[in-house]
Amino acid sequence: MSEWHWAEGQLSPGEHRERAVIVDSWLTEGGHTRGLDLHAERFARGCREVGLASDDLDAFLAAVSRALPSAGRHFPRIACSTSGELSLQVRPAPSPSQRAVLQVREDTRQAPHWKGPDIPHLVKLREEAISHGATDAVLVDSDGFVVEAATAAVVWWEGGTLMSSASTRVMPSVTAALLRRLAIASGVEVATALRRPEDLVGHEVWCVNSVHPVRRVESIFAAVDALQISPVGDGESAKLANIYRRKLLSL
């Protein structure tokens, strides 16, 4: 892993020592990043909303774009600390996956609209889900409605409509936004709704993020011994996932 901090108008090698308040991350592969402008916008918006946007934030983001590796598969992370310190880490990217199993957990995030403050909590939820045989945790609100996964957005299909959560606690997802653009460009209707995990029985459900563009959800469970909710898993659904996975990879 390589690390840089922003000082005197340039990125210099060095560790990020302060606690990060706002972060963003994405997949860079072969020198290309999907939706880098959207990641930069989300990061800048978060910095502004917490009052930590510096005058040279745009210069920092431009420098980050230039510093991204031109070869290999990487998972860069930018951060803004409690004092407004800006930094870049370039980490190895996880191997891509095409399947997901989700354990239901209550959404208790303190700052759901900003990427950063709740990451330690989300990492813990994901690790606990993995220990119970899942690949991630799916967060539900106090009424039991699906919000998103700990590390991904959750979307699903109702007939020919691409659906996403209408919860006000959803973190803006770059990959989900790109997916909706692709769907609309193909003449597909997109919509939002409130659905509980049990409402997703019989529907094609995906987890989407930058590292794993489209993962088909194989099952959702609330507790280790609970009945599993299995979304649809037929050949046509698999084809649909492959089509949109290829479309996202082509961006």
Foldseek 3Di string as FASTA:
>chain_A
DWKWWDDPLATDGDDDDAAFAFKFKFKAAQLDTFPLVVRLVQRQVLCVVVVLRDPCSVSVSVNVSVPDDNHHIWMKMWTQHPNNIIMIDTHHADAADAAWEEAEDEDPDPQLQGPGPCLVVLVVQQVVCVVLPTRWYFYAYPVQWTAATSAFFKWWDDPQEIEGAPDPSHHDASLVVVLVVVCVVVVTHYYYDTDHPLRQAAIFMWTAHRRHHTHTYQWYYHDSPGDIRGYDDDPVSVVVRVVSSVVSVVD
